[in-house]
C-alpha atoms as a PDB file:
ATOM      1  CA  UNK A   1      46.752 109.673 119.828  1.00  0.00           C
ATOM      2  CA  UNK A   2      45.635 107.104 122.415  1.00  0.00           C
ATOM      3  CA  UNK A   3      47.371 109.109 125.146  1.00  0.00           C
ATOM      4  CA  UNK A   4      45.611 112.315 124.052  1.00  0.00           C
ATOM      5  CA  UNK A   5      42.231 110.551 124.033  1.00  0.00           C
ATOM      6  CA  UNK A   6      42.894 109.287 127.563  1.00  0.00           C
ATOM      7  CA  UNK A   7      43.904 112.734 128.810  1.00  0.00           C
ATOM      8  CA  UNK A   8      40.794 114.333 127.313  1.00  0.00           C
ATOM      9  CA  UNK A   9      38.658 111.533 128.812  1.00  0.00           C
ATOM     10  CA  UNK A  10      40.060 112.611 132.184  1.00  0.00           C
ATOM     11  CA  UNK A  11      39.202 116.227 131.375  1.00  0.00           C
ATOM     12  CA  UNK A  12      35.642 115.170 130.545  1.00  0.00           C
ATOM     13  CA  UNK A  13      35.399 113.203 133.793  1.00  0.00           C
ATOM     14  CA  UNK A  14      36.524 116.225 135.843  1.00  0.00           C
ATOM     15  CA  UNK A  15      34.189 118.586 133.955  1.00  0.00           C
ATOM     16  CA  UNK A  16      31.184 116.331 134.565  1.00  0.00           C
ATOM     17  CA  UNK A  17      32.192 115.777 138.188  1.00  0.00           C
ATOM     18  CA  UNK A  18      32.098 119.559 138.713  1.00  0.00           C
ATOM     19  CA  UNK A  19      28.992 120.320 136.625  1.00  0.00           C
ATOM     20  CA  UNK A  20      27.034 117.061 137.273  1.00  0.00           C
ATOM     21  CA  UNK A  21      25.508 117.209 133.766  1.00  0.00           C
ATOM     22  CA  UNK A  22      26.255 118.907 130.454  1.00  0.00           C
ATOM     23  CA  UNK A  23      24.848 118.949 126.964  1.00  0.00           C
ATOM     24  CA  UNK A  24      27.277 117.770 124.296  1.00  0.00           C
ATOM     25  CA  UNK A  25      27.743 121.267 122.891  1.00  0.00           C
ATOM     26  CA  UNK A  26      28.467 122.649 126.392  1.00  0.00           C
ATOM     27  CA  UNK A  27      30.954 119.860 127.029  1.00  0.00           C
ATOM     28  CA  UNK A  28      32.825 120.448 123.781  1.00  0.00           C
ATOM     29  CA  UNK A  29      33.061 124.180 124.507  1.00  0.00           C
ATOM     30  CA  UNK A  30      33.890 123.639 128.187  1.00  0.00           C
ATOM     31  CA  UNK A  31      36.724 121.189 127.548  1.00  0.00           C
ATOM     32  CA  UNK A  32      38.247 123.474 124.880  1.00  0.00           C
ATOM     33  CA  UNK A  33      39.928 120.647 122.981  1.00  0.00           C
ATOM     34  CA  UNK A  34      39.539 119.478 119.393  1.00  0.00           C
ATOM     35  CA  UNK A  35      35.920 118.380 118.873  1.00  0.00           C
ATOM     36  CA  UNK A  36      36.917 115.068 117.280  1.00  0.00           C
ATOM     37  CA  UNK A  37      39.168 114.156 120.219  1.00  0.00           C
ATOM     38  CA  UNK A  38      36.379 115.059 122.672  1.00  0.00           C
ATOM     39  CA  UNK A  39      33.985 112.798 120.758  1.00  0.00           C
ATOM     40  CA  UNK A  40      36.492 109.915 120.705  1.00  0.00           C
ATOM     41  CA  UNK A  41      37.142 110.349 124.426  1.00  0.00           C
ATOM     42  CA  UNK A  42      33.431 110.464 125.174  1.00  0.00           C
ATOM     43  CA  UNK A  43      32.955 107.278 123.154  1.00  0.00           C
ATOM     44  CA  UNK A  44      35.669 105.610 125.212  1.00  0.00           C
ATOM     45  CA  UNK A  45      33.987 106.671 128.471  1.00  0.00           C
ATOM     46  CA  UNK A  46      30.591 105.499 127.172  1.00  0.00           C
ATOM     47  CA  UNK A  47      31.975 102.132 126.075  1.00  0.00           C
ATOM     48  CA  UNK A  48      33.543 101.637 129.500  1.00  0.00           C
ATOM     49  CA  UNK A  49      30.203 102.486 131.139  1.00  0.00           C
ATOM     50  CA  UNK A  50      31.428 105.644 132.883  1.00  0.00           C
ATOM     51  CA  UNK A  51      28.914 108.084 131.381  1.00  0.00           C
ATOM     52  CA  UNK A  52      25.207 108.167 130.653  1.00  0.00           C
ATOM     53  CA  UNK A  53      24.139 109.820 127.404  1.00  0.00           C
ATOM     54  CA  UNK A  54      20.522 110.722 126.716  1.00  0.00           C
ATOM     55  CA  UNK A  55      19.265 112.223 123.449  1.00  0.00           C
ATOM     56  CA  UNK A  56      17.251 115.348 124.284  1.00  0.00           C
ATOM     57  CA  UNK A  57      15.903 117.416 121.411  1.00  0.00           C
ATOM     58  CA  UNK A  58      18.696 116.622 118.980  1.00  0.00           C
ATOM     59  CA  UNK A  59      21.471 117.203 121.524  1.00  0.00           C
ATOM     60  CA  UNK A  60      22.857 114.803 124.130  1.00  0.00           C
ATOM     61  CA  UNK A  61      22.666 115.238 127.886  1.00  0.00           C
ATOM     62  CA  UNK A  62      25.746 113.640 129.457  1.00  0.00           C
ATOM     63  CA  UNK A  63      26.419 112.754 133.073  1.00  0.00           C
ATOM     64  CA  UNK A  64      28.693 110.459 135.036  1.00  0.00           C
ATOM     65  CA  UNK A  65      27.451 107.016 136.022  1.00  0.00           C
ATOM     66  CA  UNK A  66      28.034 106.414 139.726  1.00  0.00           C
END
């Protein structure tokens, strides 16, 4: 499971690198992986300080921290 979370974290990183910013719902649909794994991977990236998450109207706007 840890390996899968790491792989999906990489997928998230690449998606955000290409799109610069995404809402959580866009990210989940764009990655096309299990929603729970995407959320765990996003939590990992947030904890490590690699992403910025901002609550906007009940959804989250996510971008990479450079």
